Amino acid sequence: ELLAGHAGQEPAVADITARAMRGEL
């Protein structure tokens, strides 16, 4: 997510990360 912040992609990456950590992906 820190890397995504430099790419302007933080919201998209954070959403995918949260779903993966919950076991949804």
mmCIF file of all heavy atoms, coordinates in Angstrom:
data_MODEL
# 
_entry.id   MODEL 
# 
loop_
_atom_site.group_PDB 
_atom_site.id 
_atom_site.type_symbol 
_atom_site.label_atom_id 
_atom_site.label_alt_id 
_atom_site.label_comp_id 
_atom_site.label_asym_id 
_atom_site.label_entity_id 
_atom_site.label_seq_id 
_atom_site.pdbx_PDB_ins_code 
_atom_site.Cartn_x 
_atom_site.Cartn_y 
_atom_site.Cartn_z 
_atom_site.occupancy 
_atom_site.B_iso_or_equiv 
_atom_site.pdbx_formal_charge 
_atom_site.auth_seq_id 
_atom_site.auth_comp_id 
_atom_site.auth_asym_id 
_atom_site.auth_atom_id 
_atom_site.pdbx_PDB_model_num 
ATOM 1   N N   . GLU A 1 1  ? 0.828   -1.204  0.000   1.00 0.00 ? 1  GLU A N   1 
ATOM 2   C CA  . GLU A 1 1  ? 0.000   0.000   0.000   1.00 0.00 ? 1  GLU A CA  1 
ATOM 3   C C   . GLU A 1 1  ? 0.865   1.257   0.000   1.00 0.00 ? 1  GLU A C   1 
ATOM 4   O O   . GLU A 1 1  ? 0.497   2.274   -0.610  1.00 0.00 ? 1  GLU A O   1 
ATOM 5   C CB  . GLU A 1 1  ? -0.947  -0.018  1.196   1.00 0.00 ? 1  GLU A CB  1 
ATOM 6   C CG  . GLU A 1 1  ? -1.998  -1.120  1.102   1.00 0.00 ? 1  GLU A CG  1 
ATOM 7   C CD  . GLU A 1 1  ? -2.944  -1.146  2.280   1.00 0.00 ? 1  GLU A CD  1 
ATOM 8   O OE1 . GLU A 1 1  ? -2.940  -0.182  3.071   1.00 0.00 ? 1  GLU A OE1 1 
ATOM 9   O OE2 . GLU A 1 1  ? -3.693  -2.135  2.408   1.00 0.00 ? 1  GLU A OE2 1 
ATOM 10  N N   . LEU A 1 2  ? 2.020   1.188   0.684   1.00 0.00 ? 2  LEU A N   1 
ATOM 11  C CA  . LEU A 1 2  ? 2.946   2.328   0.622   1.00 0.00 ? 2  LEU A CA  1 
ATOM 12  C C   . LEU A 1 2  ? 3.461   2.510   -0.805  1.00 0.00 ? 2  LEU A C   1 
ATOM 13  O O   . LEU A 1 2  ? 3.568   3.646   -1.296  1.00 0.00 ? 2  LEU A O   1 
ATOM 14  C CB  . LEU A 1 2  ? 4.119   2.095   1.577   1.00 0.00 ? 2  LEU A CB  1 
ATOM 15  C CG  . LEU A 1 2  ? 3.782   2.015   3.068   1.00 0.00 ? 2  LEU A CG  1 
ATOM 16  C CD1 . LEU A 1 2  ? 5.048   1.774   3.884   1.00 0.00 ? 2  LEU A CD1 1 
ATOM 17  C CD2 . LEU A 1 2  ? 3.079   3.287   3.548   1.00 0.00 ? 2  LEU A CD2 1 
ATOM 18  N N   . LEU A 1 3  ? 3.792   1.397   -1.460  1.00 0.00 ? 3  LEU A N   1 
ATOM 19  C CA  . LEU A 1 3  ? 4.240   1.477   -2.856  1.00 0.00 ? 3  LEU A CA  1 
ATOM 20  C C   . LEU A 1 3  ? 3.118   2.018   -3.738  1.00 0.00 ? 3  LEU A C   1 
ATOM 21  O O   . LEU A 1 3  ? 3.351   2.846   -4.636  1.00 0.00 ? 3  LEU A O   1 
ATOM 22  C CB  . LEU A 1 3  ? 4.672   0.099   -3.347  1.00 0.00 ? 3  LEU A CB  1 
ATOM 23  C CG  . LEU A 1 3  ? 5.976   -0.443  -2.768  1.00 0.00 ? 3  LEU A CG  1 
ATOM 24  C CD1 . LEU A 1 3  ? 6.124   -1.933  -3.081  1.00 0.00 ? 3  LEU A CD1 1 
ATOM 25  C CD2 . LEU A 1 3  ? 7.170   0.329   -3.325  1.00 0.00 ? 3  LEU A CD2 1 
ATOM 26  N N   . ALA A 1 4  ? 1.895   1.547   -3.486  1.00 0.00 ? 4  ALA A N   1 
ATOM 27  C CA  . ALA A 1 4  ? 0.758   1.992   -4.293  1.00 0.00 ? 4  ALA A CA  1 
ATOM 28  C C   . ALA A 1 4  ? 0.522   3.484   -4.154  1.00 0.00 ? 4  ALA A C   1 
ATOM 29  O O   . ALA A 1 4  ? 0.069   4.145   -5.095  1.00 0.00 ? 4  ALA A O   1 
ATOM 30  C CB  . ALA A 1 4  ? -0.492  1.219   -3.892  1.00 0.00 ? 4  ALA A CB  1 
ATOM 31  N N   . GLY A 1 5  ? 0.832   4.024   -2.978  1.00 0.00 ? 5  GLY A N   1 
ATOM 32  C CA  . GLY A 1 5  ? 0.677   5.458   -2.784  1.00 0.00 ? 5  GLY A CA  1 
ATOM 33  C C   . GLY A 1 5  ? 1.541   6.253   -3.741  1.00 0.00 ? 5  GLY A C   1 
ATOM 34  O O   . GLY A 1 5  ? 1.149   7.325   -4.216  1.00 0.00 ? 5  GLY A O   1 
ATOM 35  N N   . HIS A 1 6  ? 2.733   5.739   -4.049  1.00 0.00 ? 6  HIS A N   1 
ATOM 36  C CA  . HIS A 1 6  ? 3.628   6.425   -4.998  1.00 0.00 ? 6  HIS A CA  1 
ATOM 37  C C   . HIS A 1 6  ? 3.137   6.274   -6.431  1.00 0.00 ? 6  HIS A C   1 
ATOM 38  O O   . HIS A 1 6  ? 3.532   7.062   -7.307  1.00 0.00 ? 6  HIS A O   1 
ATOM 39  C CB  . HIS A 1 6  ? 5.045   5.852   -4.872  1.00 0.00 ? 6  HIS A CB  1 
ATOM 40  C CG  . HIS A 1 6  ? 5.720   6.214   -3.582  1.00 0.00 ? 6  HIS A CG  1 
ATOM 41  N ND1 . HIS A 1 6  ? 6.463   7.365   -3.414  1.00 0.00 ? 6  HIS A ND1 1 
ATOM 42  C CD2 . HIS A 1 6  ? 5.748   5.572   -2.385  1.00 0.00 ? 6  HIS A CD2 1 
ATOM 43  C CE1 . HIS A 1 6  ? 6.928   7.416   -2.168  1.00 0.00 ? 6  HIS A CE1 1 
ATOM 44  N NE2 . HIS A 1 6  ? 6.508   6.340   -1.529  1.00 0.00 ? 6  HIS A NE2 1 
ATOM 45  N N   . ALA A 1 7  ? 2.290   5.262   -6.676  1.00 0.00 ? 7  ALA A N   1 
ATOM 46  C CA  . ALA A 1 7  ? 1.776   5.040   -8.024  1.00 0.00 ? 7  ALA A CA  1 
ATOM 47  C C   . ALA A 1 7  ? 0.379   5.622   -8.206  1.00 0.00 ? 7  ALA A C   1 
ATOM 48  O O   . ALA A 1 7  ? -0.205  5.496   -9.287  1.00 0.00 ? 7  ALA A O   1 
ATOM 49  C CB  . ALA A 1 7  ? 1.746   3.545   -8.323  1.00 0.00 ? 7  ALA A CB  1 
ATOM 50  N N   . GLY A 1 8  ? -0.167  6.229   -7.149  1.00 0.00 ? 8  GLY A N   1 
ATOM 51  C CA  . GLY A 1 8  ? -1.525  6.749   -7.236  1.00 0.00 ? 8  GLY A CA  1 
ATOM 52  C C   . GLY A 1 8  ? -2.575  5.654   -7.263  1.00 0.00 ? 8  GLY A C   1 
ATOM 53  O O   . GLY A 1 8  ? -3.702  5.881   -7.724  1.00 0.00 ? 8  GLY A O   1 
ATOM 54  N N   . GLN A 1 9  ? -2.245  4.476   -6.780  1.00 0.00 ? 9  GLN A N   1 
ATOM 55  C CA  . GLN A 1 9  ? -3.151  3.332   -6.832  1.00 0.00 ? 9  GLN A CA  1 
ATOM 56  C C   . GLN A 1 9  ? -3.526  2.837   -5.431  1.00 0.00 ? 9  GLN A C   1 
ATOM 57  O O   . GLN A 1 9  ? -3.985  1.704   -5.284  1.00 0.00 ? 9  GLN A O   1 
ATOM 58  C CB  . GLN A 1 9  ? -2.484  2.181   -7.607  1.00 0.00 ? 9  GLN A CB  1 
ATOM 59  C CG  . GLN A 1 9  ? -2.188  2.485   -9.057  1.00 0.00 ? 9  GLN A CG  1 
ATOM 60  C CD  . GLN A 1 9  ? -3.449  2.460   -9.914  1.00 0.00 ? 9  GLN A CD  1 
ATOM 61  O OE1 . GLN A 1 9  ? -4.529  2.134   -9.433  1.00 0.00 ? 9  GLN A OE1 1 
ATOM 62  N NE2 . GLN A 1 9  ? -3.318  2.825   -11.180 1.00 0.00 ? 9  GLN A NE2 1 
ATOM 63  N N   . GLU A 1 10 ? -3.332  3.646   -4.429  1.00 0.00 ? 10 GLU A N   1 
ATOM 64  C CA  . GLU A 1 10 ? -3.520  3.168   -3.052  1.00 0.00 ? 10 GLU A CA  1 
ATOM 65  C C   . GLU A 1 10 ? -4.928  2.663   -2.774  1.00 0.00 ? 10 GLU A C   1 
ATOM 66  O O   . GLU A 1 10 ? -5.091  1.587   -2.180  1.00 0.00 ? 10 GLU A O   1 
ATOM 67  C CB  . GLU A 1 10 ? -3.153  4.272   -2.052  1.00 0.00 ? 10 GLU A CB  1 
ATOM 68  C CG  . GLU A 1 10 ? -3.132  3.776   -0.618  1.00 0.00 ? 10 GLU A CG  1 
ATOM 69  C CD  . GLU A 1 10 ? -2.564  4.809   0.337   1.00 0.00 ? 10 GLU A CD  1 
ATOM 70  O OE1 . GLU A 1 10 ? -2.274  5.938   -0.113  1.00 0.00 ? 10 GLU A OE1 1 
ATOM 71  O OE2 . GLU A 1 10 ? -2.415  4.485   1.526   1.00 0.00 ? 10 GLU A OE2 1 
ATOM 72  N N   . PRO A 1 11 ? -6.008  3.366   -3.174  1.00 0.00 ? 11 PRO A N   1 
ATOM 73  C CA  . PRO A 1 11 ? -7.356  2.843   -2.863  1.00 0.00 ? 11 PRO A CA  1 
ATOM 74  C C   . PRO A 1 11 ? -7.604  1.474   -3.486  1.00 0.00 ? 11 PRO A C   1 
ATOM 75  O O   . PRO A 1 11 ? -8.160  0.584   -2.830  1.00 0.00 ? 11 PRO A O   1 
ATOM 76  C CB  . PRO A 1 11 ? -8.290  3.908   -3.457  1.00 0.00 ? 11 PRO A CB  1 
ATOM 77  C CG  . PRO A 1 11 ? -7.472  5.159   -3.498  1.00 0.00 ? 11 PRO A CG  1 
ATOM 78  C CD  . PRO A 1 11 ? -6.076  4.694   -3.812  1.00 0.00 ? 11 PRO A CD  1 
ATOM 79  N N   . ALA A 1 12 ? -7.199  1.280   -4.732  1.00 0.00 ? 12 ALA A N   1 
ATOM 80  C CA  . ALA A 1 12 ? -7.439  0.003   -5.412  1.00 0.00 ? 12 ALA A CA  1 
ATOM 81  C C   . ALA A 1 12 ? -6.663  -1.120  -4.750  1.00 0.00 ? 12 ALA A C   1 
ATOM 82  O O   . ALA A 1 12 ? -7.184  -2.219  -4.526  1.00 0.00 ? 12 ALA A O   1 
ATOM 83  C CB  . ALA A 1 12 ? -7.054  0.117   -6.891  1.00 0.00 ? 12 ALA A CB  1 
ATOM 84  N N   . VAL A 1 13 ? -5.405  -0.847  -4.418  1.00 0.00 ? 13 VAL A N   1 
ATOM 85  C CA  . VAL A 1 13 ? -4.572  -1.870  -3.791  1.00 0.00 ? 13 VAL A CA  1 
ATOM 86  C C   . VAL A 1 13 ? -5.060  -2.180  -2.376  1.00 0.00 ? 13 VAL A C   1 
ATOM 87  O O   . VAL A 1 13 ? -5.110  -3.348  -1.965  1.00 0.00 ? 13 VAL A O   1 
ATOM 88  C CB  . VAL A 1 13 ? -3.097  -1.425  -3.768  1.00 0.00 ? 13 VAL A CB  1 
ATOM 89  C CG1 . VAL A 1 13 ? -2.278  -2.301  -2.827  1.00 0.00 ? 13 VAL A CG1 1 
ATOM 90  C CG2 . VAL A 1 13 ? -2.517  -1.479  -5.182  1.00 0.00 ? 13 VAL A CG2 1 
ATOM 91  N N   . ALA A 1 14 ? -5.450  -1.159  -1.624  1.00 0.00 ? 14 ALA A N   1 
ATOM 92  C CA  . ALA A 1 14 ? -5.929  -1.376  -0.254  1.00 0.00 ? 14 ALA A CA  1 
ATOM 93  C C   . ALA A 1 14 ? -7.177  -2.244  -0.248  1.00 0.00 ? 14 ALA A C   1 
ATOM 94  O O   . ALA A 1 14 ? -7.340  -3.110  0.628   1.00 0.00 ? 14 ALA A O   1 
ATOM 95  C CB  . ALA A 1 14 ? -6.210  -0.037  0.423   1.00 0.00 ? 14 ALA A CB  1 
ATOM 96  N N   . ASP A 1 15 ? -8.053  -2.045  -1.198  1.00 0.00 ? 15 ASP A N   1 
ATOM 97  C CA  . ASP A 1 15 ? -9.270  -2.845  -1.276  1.00 0.00 ? 15 ASP A CA  1 
ATOM 98  C C   . ASP A 1 15 ? -8.944  -4.312  -1.545  1.00 0.00 ? 15 ASP A C   1 
ATOM 99  O O   . ASP A 1 15 ? -9.493  -5.212  -0.888  1.00 0.00 ? 15 ASP A O   1 
ATOM 100 C CB  . ASP A 1 15 ? -10.188 -2.304  -2.381  1.00 0.00 ? 15 ASP A CB  1 
ATOM 101 C CG  . ASP A 1 15 ? -11.448 -3.145  -2.522  1.00 0.00 ? 15 ASP A CG  1 
ATOM 102 O OD1 . ASP A 1 15 ? -12.244 -3.183  -1.575  1.00 0.00 ? 15 ASP A OD1 1 
ATOM 103 O OD2 . ASP A 1 15 ? -11.608 -3.788  -3.588  1.00 0.00 ? 15 ASP A OD2 1 
ATOM 104 N N   . ILE A 1 16 ? -8.044  -4.564  -2.480  1.00 0.00 ? 16 ILE A N   1 
ATOM 105 C CA  . ILE A 1 16 ? -7.660  -5.946  -2.786  1.00 0.00 ? 16 ILE A CA  1 
ATOM 106 C C   . ILE A 1 16 ? -6.957  -6.579  -1.590  1.00 0.00 ? 16 ILE A C   1 
ATOM 107 O O   . ILE A 1 16 ? -7.204  -7.740  -1.242  1.00 0.00 ? 16 ILE A O   1 
ATOM 108 C CB  . ILE A 1 16 ? -6.749  -5.990  -4.036  1.00 0.00 ? 16 ILE A CB  1 
ATOM 109 C CG1 . ILE A 1 16 ? -7.489  -5.446  -5.257  1.00 0.00 ? 16 ILE A CG1 1 
ATOM 110 C CG2 . ILE A 1 16 ? -6.275  -7.419  -4.301  1.00 0.00 ? 16 ILE A CG2 1 
ATOM 111 C CD1 . ILE A 1 16 ? -6.599  -5.283  -6.485  1.00 0.00 ? 16 ILE A CD1 1 
ATOM 112 N N   . THR A 1 17 ? -6.075  -5.822  -0.924  1.00 0.00 ? 17 THR A N   1 
ATOM 113 C CA  . THR A 1 17 ? -5.358  -6.341  0.249   1.00 0.00 ? 17 THR A CA  1 
ATOM 114 C C   . THR A 1 17 ? -6.325  -6.744  1.351   1.00 0.00 ? 17 THR A C   1 
ATOM 115 O O   . THR A 1 17 ? -6.212  -7.833  1.932   1.00 0.00 ? 17 THR A O   1 
ATOM 116 C CB  . THR A 1 17 ? -4.388  -5.280  0.792   1.00 0.00 ? 17 THR A CB  1 
ATOM 117 O OG1 . THR A 1 17 ? -3.418  -4.966  -0.206  1.00 0.00 ? 17 THR A OG1 1 
ATOM 118 C CG2 . THR A 1 17 ? -3.667  -5.795  2.034   1.00 0.00 ? 17 THR A CG2 1 
ATOM 119 N N   . ALA A 1 18 ? -7.288  -5.881  1.642   1.00 0.00 ? 18 ALA A N   1 
ATOM 120 C CA  . ALA A 1 18 ? -8.246  -6.166  2.716   1.00 0.00 ? 18 ALA A CA  1 
ATOM 121 C C   . ALA A 1 18 ? -9.038  -7.420  2.414   1.00 0.00 ? 18 ALA A C   1 
ATOM 122 O O   . ALA A 1 18 ? -9.262  -8.266  3.304   1.00 0.00 ? 18 ALA A O   1 
ATOM 123 C CB  . ALA A 1 18 ? -9.179  -4.971  2.910   1.00 0.00 ? 18 ALA A CB  1 
ATOM 124 N N   . ARG A 1 19 ? -9.450  -7.590  1.177   1.00 0.00 ? 19 ARG A N   1 
ATOM 125 C CA  . ARG A 1 19 ? -10.233 -8.778  0.815   1.00 0.00 ? 19 ARG A CA  1 
ATOM 126 C C   . ARG A 1 19 ? -9.378  -10.038 0.893   1.00 0.00 ? 19 ARG A C   1 
ATOM 127 O O   . ARG A 1 19 ? -9.850  -11.093 1.334   1.00 0.00 ? 19 ARG A O   1 
ATOM 128 C CB  . ARG A 1 19 ? -10.814 -8.600  -0.584  1.00 0.00 ? 19 ARG A CB  1 
ATOM 129 C CG  . ARG A 1 19 ? -11.856 -7.486  -0.663  1.00 0.00 ? 19 ARG A CG  1 
ATOM 130 C CD  . ARG A 1 19 ? -12.232 -7.176  -2.096  1.00 0.00 ? 19 ARG A CD  1 
ATOM 131 N NE  . ARG A 1 19 ? -12.851 -8.330  -2.747  1.00 0.00 ? 19 ARG A NE  1 
ATOM 132 C CZ  . ARG A 1 19 ? -13.016 -8.430  -4.066  1.00 0.00 ? 19 ARG A CZ  1 
ATOM 133 N NH1 . ARG A 1 19 ? -12.566 -7.463  -4.867  1.00 0.00 ? 19 ARG A NH1 1 
ATOM 134 N NH2 . ARG A 1 19 ? -13.602 -9.477  -4.583  1.00 0.00 ? 19 ARG A NH2 1 
ATOM 135 N N   . ALA A 1 20 ? -8.115  -9.923  0.521   1.00 0.00 ? 20 ALA A N   1 
ATOM 136 C CA  . ALA A 1 20 ? -7.221  -11.088 0.603   1.00 0.00 ? 20 ALA A CA  1 
ATOM 137 C C   . ALA A 1 20 ? -6.957  -11.473 2.053   1.00 0.00 ? 20 ALA A C   1 
ATOM 138 O O   . ALA A 1 20 ? -6.945  -12.659 2.411   1.00 0.00 ? 20 ALA A O   1 
ATOM 139 C CB  . ALA A 1 20 ? -5.906  -10.788 -0.110  1.00 0.00 ? 20 ALA A CB  1 
ATOM 140 N N   . MET A 1 21 ? -6.738  -10.491 2.930   1.00 0.00 ? 21 MET A N   1 
ATOM 141 C CA  . MET A 1 21 ? -6.448  -10.782 4.338   1.00 0.00 ? 21 MET A CA  1 
ATOM 142 C C   . MET A 1 21 ? -7.658  -11.373 5.060   1.00 0.00 ? 21 MET A C   1 
ATOM 143 O O   . MET A 1 21 ? -7.508  -12.102 6.042   1.00 0.00 ? 21 MET A O   1 
ATOM 144 C CB  . MET A 1 21 ? -5.971  -9.513  5.055   1.00 0.00 ? 21 MET A CB  1 
ATOM 145 C CG  . MET A 1 21 ? -4.603  -9.013  4.604   1.00 0.00 ? 21 MET A CG  1 
ATOM 146 S SD  . MET A 1 21 ? -3.259  -10.227 4.823   1.00 0.00 ? 21 MET A SD  1 
ATOM 147 C CE  . MET A 1 21 ? -3.116  -10.902 3.159   1.00 0.00 ? 21 MET A CE  1 
ATOM 148 N N   . ARG A 1 22 ? -8.856  -11.060 4.576   1.00 0.00 ? 22 ARG A N   1 
ATOM 149 C CA  . ARG A 1 22 ? -10.066 -11.659 5.158   1.00 0.00 ? 22 ARG A CA  1 
ATOM 150 C C   . ARG A 1 22 ? -10.341 -13.048 4.606   1.00 0.00 ? 22 ARG A C   1 
ATOM 151 O O   . ARG A 1 22 ? -11.275 -13.720 5.030   1.00 0.00 ? 22 ARG A O   1 
ATOM 152 C CB  . ARG A 1 22 ? -11.274 -10.750 4.899   1.00 0.00 ? 22 ARG A CB  1 
ATOM 153 C CG  . ARG A 1 22 ? -11.256 -9.442  5.659   1.00 0.00 ? 22 ARG A CG  1 
ATOM 154 C CD  . ARG A 1 22 ? -12.614 -8.764  5.618   1.00 0.00 ? 22 ARG A CD  1 
ATOM 155 N NE  . ARG A 1 22 ? -13.045 -8.459  4.251   1.00 0.00 ? 22 ARG A NE  1 
ATOM 156 C CZ  . ARG A 1 22 ? -12.843 -7.289  3.645   1.00 0.00 ? 22 ARG A CZ  1 
ATOM 157 N NH1 . ARG A 1 22 ? -12.200 -6.317  4.281   1.00 0.00 ? 22 ARG A NH1 1 
ATOM 158 N NH2 . ARG A 1 22 ? -13.279 -7.090  2.420   1.00 0.00 ? 22 ARG A NH2 1 
ATOM 159 N N   . GLY A 1 23 ? -9.520  -13.466 3.644   1.00 0.00 ? 23 GLY A N   1 
ATOM 160 C CA  . GLY A 1 23 ? -9.696  -14.787 3.051   1.00 0.00 ? 23 GLY A CA  1 
ATOM 161 C C   . GLY A 1 23 ? -10.708 -14.829 1.931   1.00 0.00 ? 23 GLY A C   1 
ATOM 162 O O   . GLY A 1 23 ? -11.125 -15.909 1.487   1.00 0.00 ? 23 GLY A O   1 
ATOM 163 N N   . GLU A 1 24 ? -11.125 -13.660 1.423   1.00 0.00 ? 24 GLU A N   1 
ATOM 164 C CA  . GLU A 1 24 ? -12.128 -13.613 0.371   1.00 0.00 ? 24 GLU A CA  1 
ATOM 165 C C   . GLU A 1 24 ? -11.524 -13.824 -1.013  1.00 0.00 ? 24 GLU A C   1 
ATOM 166 O O   . GLU A 1 24 ? -12.247 -14.147 -1.961  1.00 0.00 ? 24 GLU A O   1 
ATOM 167 C CB  . GLU A 1 24 ? -12.864 -12.272 0.414   1.00 0.00 ? 24 GLU A CB  1 
ATOM 168 C CG  . GLU A 1 24 ? -13.621 -12.049 1.731   1.00 0.00 ? 24 GLU A CG  1 
ATOM 169 C CD  . GLU A 1 24 ? -14.159 -10.632 1.850   1.00 0.00 ? 24 GLU A CD  1 
ATOM 170 O OE1 . GLU A 1 24 ? -14.021 -9.861  0.869   1.00 0.00 ? 24 GLU A OE1 1 
ATOM 171 O OE2 . GLU A 1 24 ? -14.713 -10.292 2.919   1.00 0.00 ? 24 GLU A OE2 1 
ATOM 172 N N   . LEU A 1 25 ? -10.207 -13.616 -1.124  1.00 0.00 ? 25 LEU A N   1 
ATOM 173 C CA  . LEU A 1 25 ? -9.518  -13.767 -2.412  1.00 0.00 ? 25 LEU A CA  1 
ATOM 174 C C   . LEU A 1 25 ? -8.305  -14.671 -2.238  1.00 0.00 ? 25 LEU A C   1 
ATOM 175 O O   . LEU A 1 25 ? -7.676  -14.690 -1.181  1.00 0.00 ? 25 LEU A O   1 
ATOM 176 C CB  . LEU A 1 25 ? -9.042  -12.403 -2.934  1.00 0.00 ? 25 LEU A CB  1 
ATOM 177 C CG  . LEU A 1 25 ? -10.104 -11.363 -3.310  1.00 0.00 ? 25 LEU A CG  1 
ATOM 178 C CD1 . LEU A 1 25 ? -9.418  -10.058 -3.683  1.00 0.00 ? 25 LEU A CD1 1 
ATOM 179 C CD2 . LEU A 1 25 ? -10.961 -11.857 -4.458  1.00 0.00 ? 25 LEU A CD2 1 
# 
